[in-house]
Amino acid sequence: MTIQGIAHIEYHCADADQAAADLVAGFGFGRDPEQPAATGGVHTVHLSQGSIRLRLSSAEAADHPVARFVQRHGDGVAVLALGCADPQSAVDRAVRHGARETEPGLVAGFGDVALRFVADPGPARADAPTGLLQAVDHAAICVPAGELAPAVRFCEAALGFHRIFGEYIEVGAQGMDSSVVQSASGQVTFTLLEPDTARQPGQIDTFLDSHEGTGVQHLAFRTPDIATAVRTFRAQGVEFLSTPGAYYELLAQRLGRTAIPVDTLRELDVLVDQDHGGQLFQIFTRSVHARRTFFLELIERQGAGTFGTANIKALYEAVERQNAIAAR
C-alpha cells in the first residue's frame, strides 16, 4: 500500500460560496462547474489550481455533521483525502493498526480531522486552472500535549509514513515539539506540532483552545515563484505576516548567498532556510479566521526536500506577533 498524494482537501465552513470567492479572488483558484454543488443537504464548491483540489462545504441544517464540525471548530479542514493505488488495502492497513473506520473509505485521523482513501487521481487534468500555485506541499497539524508521539506512531504504522525531521523549539518562555512525517512516495507530508505545557502557554496552546482540540493549523501550497506569487496575491487583497528586519540582517551570516536576493526577501517578508539539497522560501498569510486558528502558507523549494530548522521557529514568532496585535 503506497499513498501517492493528497487527492483533495475537504474544508467545512459556514458559507462555502463566500470562502470559495475569497480563494478565487485572492489566490486565483478556479471553480469546477461540472461537479455537483448540492447533495444530501450540503452545498459544495469545487476549486482547483495545478494539482490542488479543494472541496468547500456548508450544510443547510444545523444538525448535519458538516454544521456540527463548524459549530465546534469554526471553518477548517475536516478531511484529508489520500490518493492510493488500492484504497481498500489502505483502509484495511489503517484499521489493523487501530484506526476507526467511520464510513466506507473514511477513518478517524487526528481529532475530528478524518482521512479519506480514494483512487489515485493521477496528474492534474490538462484543463485544470494553472496559476502560481502548483500542489499541496504539507499540512501542519496541532495536537495536545502528550499526543505527538502517538500521532507519529499512527502515521508510521497505519499510513506507512516515516519521520523525516524533528525539533524542539523555544521562543522566550514558551516551547513546542515538532515532528515531520512523510509518505514513502514523498508526496504527502504532515508537520505535527505539540505544546510544551511545562512552559508558558503559546500559540499552539491558543490554537488548541480556540479550535477546541486537534486540527489543521495551516496548509502549505507550493509555488515555482514565491516573489511573483506574493506580489500578485498582495495586489489581490491577501495579507501576509510581517518579519522583523533583524531577521534579514543575519541571513548572510547564517546562510551565505541566497537564491532570491535578500533585499527582495526583506521587501516581501519572505523567510528562507536550507538543507543539504538546497534552499526553501516560505511566507504565511495573516489569519482571517474568526478564531485566528487557520491560515495558509506559500513555499518555494529550490532543491530543498525537507525543512530548514529556523523557519518553524520564525513562524512561531510571527504568529505570536499577530496574536499580540490582535489582543490589543
Protein backbone atom coordinates (compact mmCIF):
# COMPACT_ATOMS: atom_id res chain seq x y z
CA MET A 1 0.00 0.00 0.00
CA THR A 2 1.54 3.29 -1.11
CA ILE A 3 -0.13 6.65 -0.63
CA GLN A 4 0.57 8.60 -3.81
CA GLY A 5 -0.52 12.10 -2.85
CA ILE A 6 -3.23 14.36 -1.47
CA ALA A 7 -6.14 13.81 -3.85
CA HIS A 8 -8.23 16.63 -2.40
CA ILE A 9 -8.93 18.53 0.81
CA GLU A 10 -12.41 18.88 2.28
CA TYR A 11 -12.94 22.19 4.07
CA HIS A 12 -16.09 22.64 6.15
CA CYS A 13 -17.32 26.18 6.54
CA ALA A 14 -20.34 28.30 7.38
CA ASP A 15 -20.56 29.79 3.87
CA ALA A 16 -18.94 27.76 1.08
CA ASP A 17 -19.70 30.36 -1.58
CA GLN A 18 -18.00 33.16 0.35
CA ALA A 19 -14.98 31.04 1.28
CA ALA A 20 -14.63 30.00 -2.36
CA ALA A 21 -14.96 33.57 -3.59
CA ASP A 22 -12.11 34.64 -1.30
CA LEU A 23 -9.81 31.90 -2.66
CA VAL A 24 -10.74 32.69 -6.26
CA ALA A 25 -10.21 36.43 -5.86
CA GLY A 26 -7.13 36.27 -3.66
CA PHE A 27 -5.23 33.23 -4.91
CA GLY A 28 -6.52 32.60 -8.41
CA PHE A 29 -8.31 29.30 -7.84
CA GLY A 30 -10.78 28.20 -10.48
CA ARG A 31 -14.25 26.75 -9.94
CA ASP A 32 -15.19 23.37 -11.38
CA PRO A 33 -18.79 23.86 -12.57
CA GLU A 34 -19.07 20.23 -13.68
CA GLN A 35 -19.03 18.93 -10.11
CA PRO A 36 -22.37 18.62 -8.24
CA ALA A 37 -22.98 21.62 -5.99
CA ALA A 38 -25.59 20.17 -3.62
CA THR A 39 -26.01 16.64 -2.30
CA GLY A 40 -27.57 15.39 0.92
CA GLY A 41 -28.25 18.82 2.37
CA VAL A 42 -24.69 20.03 1.76
CA HIS A 43 -23.63 22.76 -0.65
CA THR A 44 -20.13 22.13 -2.00
CA VAL A 45 -17.93 24.31 -4.19
CA HIS A 46 -15.09 22.54 -6.02
CA LEU A 47 -11.93 24.57 -6.60
CA SER A 48 -8.65 23.66 -8.26
CA GLN A 49 -5.30 25.08 -9.29
CA GLY A 50 -2.44 22.94 -10.52
CA SER A 51 -2.85 19.63 -8.70
CA ILE A 52 -4.57 21.28 -5.70
CA ARG A 53 -8.20 20.24 -5.34
CA LEU A 54 -10.38 21.80 -2.65
CA ARG A 55 -13.95 20.93 -1.71
CA LEU A 56 -15.59 23.66 0.37
CA SER A 57 -18.83 22.56 2.00
CA SER A 58 -21.53 24.19 4.10
CA ALA A 59 -24.64 22.48 5.46
CA GLU A 60 -28.24 23.58 5.26
CA ALA A 61 -29.30 22.07 8.59
CA ALA A 62 -27.72 22.78 11.98
CA ASP A 63 -27.71 19.09 12.94
CA HIS A 64 -25.74 18.00 9.88
CA PRO A 65 -22.17 16.69 10.57
CA VAL A 66 -20.69 19.49 8.46
CA ALA A 67 -22.54 22.11 10.51
CA ARG A 68 -21.56 20.41 13.78
CA PHE A 69 -17.89 20.50 12.77
CA VAL A 70 -18.16 24.24 12.09
CA GLN A 71 -20.03 24.85 15.34
CA ARG A 72 -17.26 23.19 17.32
CA HIS A 73 -14.14 24.25 15.43
CA GLY A 74 -15.13 27.09 13.13
CA ASP A 75 -14.29 26.88 9.43
CA GLY A 76 -11.49 24.38 8.87
CA VAL A 77 -10.02 21.31 7.23
CA ALA A 78 -12.23 18.34 8.04
CA VAL A 79 -10.92 15.65 5.67
CA LEU A 80 -7.57 14.96 4.02
CA ALA A 81 -8.22 12.68 1.04
CA LEU A 82 -5.23 10.48 0.24
CA GLY A 83 -4.83 9.08 -3.25
CA CYS A 84 -3.86 5.38 -3.30
CA ALA A 85 -3.39 2.66 -5.89
CA ASP A 86 -5.58 0.40 -3.72
CA PRO A 87 -7.82 2.43 -1.36
CA GLN A 88 -9.38 -0.61 0.33
CA SER A 89 -5.95 -2.02 1.14
CA ALA A 90 -5.05 1.34 2.68
CA VAL A 91 -8.21 1.31 4.81
CA ASP A 92 -7.53 -2.26 5.92
CA ARG A 93 -4.00 -1.38 7.00
CA ALA A 94 -5.16 1.66 8.93
CA VAL A 95 -7.87 -0.35 10.72
CA ARG A 96 -5.39 -3.13 11.58
CA HIS A 97 -3.26 -0.53 13.34
CA GLY A 98 -6.04 0.93 15.43
CA ALA A 99 -7.80 3.40 13.15
CA ARG A 100 -11.60 3.54 13.35
CA GLU A 101 -13.49 3.40 10.05
CA THR A 102 -16.41 5.82 10.35
CA GLU A 103 -17.86 5.22 6.89
CA PRO A 104 -16.63 3.33 3.82
CA GLY A 105 -13.20 4.65 2.85
CA LEU A 106 -13.07 7.14 5.75
CA VAL A 107 -11.15 6.69 9.01
CA ALA A 108 -10.68 8.86 12.07
CA GLY A 109 -7.30 10.53 11.77
CA PHE A 110 -6.34 13.46 14.01
CA GLY A 111 -9.10 14.53 16.37
CA ASP A 112 -12.05 15.47 14.14
CA VAL A 113 -9.84 15.60 11.04
CA ALA A 114 -10.59 12.43 9.07
CA LEU A 115 -8.60 10.62 6.38
CA ARG A 116 -10.34 9.51 3.21
CA PHE A 117 -8.66 6.89 1.00
CA VAL A 118 -9.51 7.30 -2.69
CA ALA A 119 -8.19 6.07 -6.02
CA ASP A 120 -5.07 7.97 -7.04
CA PRO A 121 -6.31 10.81 -9.28
CA GLY A 122 -3.03 10.90 -11.17
CA PRO A 123 -1.60 14.14 -12.57
CA ALA A 124 -3.57 17.37 -12.77
CA ARG A 125 -6.18 17.50 -15.53
CA ALA A 126 -4.94 19.08 -18.74
CA ASP A 127 -7.76 21.63 -18.44
CA ALA A 128 -7.19 22.35 -14.73
CA PRO A 129 -6.68 26.04 -13.97
CA THR A 130 -2.99 26.93 -13.93
CA GLY A 131 -1.53 29.72 -11.90
CA LEU A 132 1.06 30.49 -9.27
CA LEU A 133 0.16 27.53 -7.04
CA GLN A 134 1.18 24.01 -8.05
CA ALA A 135 0.49 21.50 -5.28
CA VAL A 136 -0.15 20.89 -1.59
CA ASP A 137 3.31 20.86 -0.03
CA HIS A 138 2.27 19.88 3.51
CA ALA A 139 -0.39 20.17 6.19
CA ALA A 140 0.50 21.36 9.70
CA ILE A 141 -1.49 19.67 12.45
CA CYS A 142 -1.57 20.77 16.12
CA VAL A 143 -2.10 18.08 18.77
CA PRO A 144 -2.47 18.40 22.56
CA ALA A 145 0.46 17.80 24.90
CA GLY A 146 1.35 14.13 25.13
CA GLU A 147 -0.17 13.24 21.75
CA LEU A 148 2.75 13.97 19.41
CA ALA A 149 4.49 10.61 19.79
CA PRO A 150 1.24 8.62 19.37
CA ALA A 151 0.39 10.68 16.27
CA VAL A 152 3.78 9.90 14.75
CA ARG A 153 3.36 6.20 15.54
CA PHE A 154 -0.10 6.26 13.94
CA CYS A 155 1.31 7.79 10.76
CA GLU A 156 4.11 5.21 10.65
CA ALA A 157 2.02 2.12 11.40
CA ALA A 158 -1.36 2.94 9.89
CA LEU A 159 -0.25 5.03 6.89
CA GLY A 160 3.23 3.73 6.13
CA PHE A 161 4.82 7.16 6.63
CA HIS A 162 8.29 7.75 8.04
CA ARG A 163 9.59 10.51 10.30
CA ILE A 164 11.98 12.78 8.41
CA PHE A 165 12.55 15.65 10.84
CA GLY A 166 12.02 16.69 14.44
CA GLU A 167 12.83 19.72 16.54
CA TYR A 168 12.15 21.24 19.95
CA ILE A 169 11.54 24.98 19.60
CA GLU A 170 11.91 27.64 22.29
CA VAL A 171 10.59 31.16 21.92
CA GLY A 172 11.19 33.11 25.10
CA ALA A 173 9.47 31.28 27.94
CA GLN A 174 7.36 29.19 25.52
CA GLY A 175 8.17 25.85 23.94
CA MET A 176 6.85 23.29 21.47
CA ASP A 177 7.86 19.98 19.92
CA SER A 178 7.56 19.22 16.22
CA SER A 179 7.87 16.14 14.04
CA VAL A 180 7.55 15.91 10.27
CA VAL A 181 6.26 12.66 8.74
CA GLN A 182 6.12 11.81 5.06
CA SER A 183 4.69 9.13 2.79
CA ALA A 184 7.00 6.69 1.02
CA SER A 185 6.13 8.45 -2.24
CA GLY A 186 7.38 11.74 -0.80
CA GLN A 187 4.17 13.42 -1.94
CA VAL A 188 2.30 13.68 1.39
CA THR A 189 3.86 15.49 4.33
CA PHE A 190 2.38 16.27 7.75
CA THR A 191 4.06 18.63 10.21
CA LEU A 192 2.86 17.66 13.70
CA LEU A 193 3.09 20.25 16.49
CA GLU A 194 2.68 19.79 20.25
CA PRO A 195 2.89 22.43 23.01
CA ASP A 196 5.21 22.10 26.00
CA THR A 197 2.80 22.66 28.89
CA ALA A 198 5.68 22.89 31.37
CA ARG A 199 6.41 26.30 29.90
CA GLN A 200 4.26 29.38 29.40
CA PRO A 201 1.27 28.95 27.05
CA GLY A 202 1.95 29.93 23.44
CA GLN A 203 0.30 29.91 20.04
CA ILE A 204 -0.11 26.13 19.86
CA ASP A 205 -1.98 26.24 23.18
CA THR A 206 -4.04 29.14 21.81
CA PHE A 207 -4.88 27.18 18.67
CA LEU A 208 -5.94 24.09 20.63
CA ASP A 209 -8.11 26.19 22.95
CA SER A 210 -9.77 28.21 20.18
CA HIS A 211 -10.16 25.27 17.83
CA GLU A 212 -11.36 23.03 20.68
CA GLY A 213 -8.81 20.31 20.12
CA THR A 214 -6.60 18.81 17.46
CA GLY A 215 -6.79 20.33 13.99
CA VAL A 216 -5.05 21.57 10.88
CA GLN A 217 -3.33 24.85 11.70
CA HIS A 218 -2.29 25.62 8.12
CA LEU A 219 -1.98 24.27 4.61
CA ALA A 220 1.14 24.97 2.57
CA PHE A 221 0.83 25.46 -1.19
CA ARG A 222 3.91 25.07 -3.37
CA THR A 223 4.74 27.78 -5.89
CA PRO A 224 7.50 27.95 -8.51
CA ASP A 225 7.95 31.70 -7.98
CA ILE A 226 7.24 32.94 -4.48
CA ALA A 227 8.24 36.54 -5.20
CA THR A 228 5.74 36.87 -8.04
CA ALA A 229 3.12 34.99 -6.03
CA VAL A 230 3.42 37.30 -3.02
CA ARG A 231 3.30 40.43 -5.16
CA THR A 232 0.31 39.13 -7.12
CA PHE A 233 -1.69 37.92 -4.13
CA ARG A 234 -0.99 41.08 -2.14
CA ALA A 235 -2.31 43.15 -5.03
CA GLN A 236 -5.43 40.96 -4.90
CA GLY A 237 -6.01 41.67 -1.19
CA VAL A 238 -4.19 38.82 0.57
CA GLU A 239 -2.36 39.87 3.75
CA PHE A 240 0.83 38.14 4.89
CA LEU A 241 2.62 38.05 8.23
CA SER A 242 5.48 40.51 8.61
CA THR A 243 9.04 39.62 9.54
CA PRO A 244 11.37 41.79 11.70
CA GLY A 245 14.19 43.49 9.82
CA ALA A 246 16.75 41.88 12.13
CA TYR A 247 15.90 38.51 10.56
CA TYR A 248 17.36 39.65 7.24
CA GLU A 249 20.42 41.28 8.76
CA LEU A 250 21.60 37.85 9.92
CA LEU A 251 20.86 35.91 6.72
CA ALA A 252 24.23 36.34 5.04
CA GLN A 253 26.00 35.18 8.18
CA ARG A 254 23.64 32.23 8.62
CA LEU A 255 23.21 31.02 5.05
CA GLY A 256 25.62 32.83 2.78
CA ARG A 257 24.26 33.68 -0.66
CA THR A 258 20.51 33.21 -1.15
CA ALA A 259 18.93 32.29 -4.48
CA ILE A 260 16.48 35.18 -4.09
CA PRO A 261 18.25 38.45 -3.18
CA VAL A 262 17.98 39.45 0.46
CA ASP A 263 16.56 42.85 -0.49
CA THR A 264 13.68 41.09 -2.27
CA LEU A 265 13.08 38.78 0.67
CA ARG A 266 13.03 41.78 3.04
CA GLU A 267 10.64 43.70 0.77
CA LEU A 268 8.22 40.77 0.66
CA ASP A 269 8.68 39.40 4.23
CA VAL A 270 9.70 36.02 2.82
CA LEU A 271 11.64 33.58 5.04
CA VAL A 272 14.49 31.42 3.76
CA ASP A 273 16.27 28.34 5.05
CA GLN A 274 18.18 25.45 3.59
CA ASP A 275 19.04 21.80 3.96
CA HIS A 276 21.55 19.51 2.24
CA GLY A 277 19.64 19.73 -1.05
CA GLY A 278 19.23 23.48 -1.41
CA GLN A 279 17.10 26.36 -0.21
CA LEU A 280 13.43 26.86 0.55
CA PHE A 281 11.43 30.07 0.79
CA GLN A 282 8.26 30.48 2.87
CA ILE A 283 5.67 33.05 3.84
CA PHE A 284 2.45 32.76 5.88
CA THR A 285 -0.84 34.54 5.36
CA ARG A 286 -2.42 36.57 8.11
CA SER A 287 -5.28 34.52 9.51
CA VAL A 288 -8.71 35.82 8.54
CA HIS A 289 -10.41 33.06 10.53
CA ALA A 290 -12.81 34.35 13.17
CA ARG A 291 -10.91 32.37 15.82
CA ARG A 292 -7.44 33.07 14.34
CA THR A 293 -6.93 29.32 14.07
CA PHE A 294 -6.29 28.69 10.36
CA PHE A 295 -4.06 30.23 7.73
CA LEU A 296 -2.16 29.38 4.55
CA GLU A 297 1.50 29.16 3.63
CA LEU A 298 3.30 29.63 0.33
CA ILE A 299 6.52 27.69 -0.19
CA GLU A 300 9.07 27.61 -2.99
CA ARG A 301 11.66 24.84 -3.00
CA GLN A 302 14.93 25.32 -4.82
CA GLY A 303 16.47 21.92 -4.19
CA ALA A 304 15.44 21.64 -0.54
CA GLY A 305 13.48 18.46 0.08
CA THR A 306 12.80 18.70 3.80
CA PHE A 307 12.54 21.65 6.21
CA GLY A 308 15.17 24.03 7.50
CA THR A 309 15.31 24.28 11.26
CA ALA A 310 14.95 28.05 11.59
CA ASN A 311 11.68 28.71 9.81
CA ILE A 312 9.39 26.76 12.12
CA LYS A 313 10.70 28.97 14.91
CA ALA A 314 10.26 32.02 12.69
CA LEU A 315 6.65 31.01 12.04
CA TYR A 316 6.07 30.54 15.75
CA GLU A 317 7.41 34.02 16.43
CA ALA A 318 5.43 35.58 13.57
CA VAL A 319 2.14 34.10 14.78
CA GLU A 320 2.92 35.26 18.31
CA ARG A 321 3.31 38.81 16.99
CA GLN A 322 -0.02 38.54 15.15
CA ASN A 323 -1.76 37.29 18.28
CA ALA A 324 -0.27 40.11 20.34
CA ILE A 325 -1.52 42.72 17.84
CA ALA A 326 -4.99 41.15 17.71
CA ALA A 327 -5.20 41.21 21.53
CA ARG A 328 -4.64 44.97 21.75
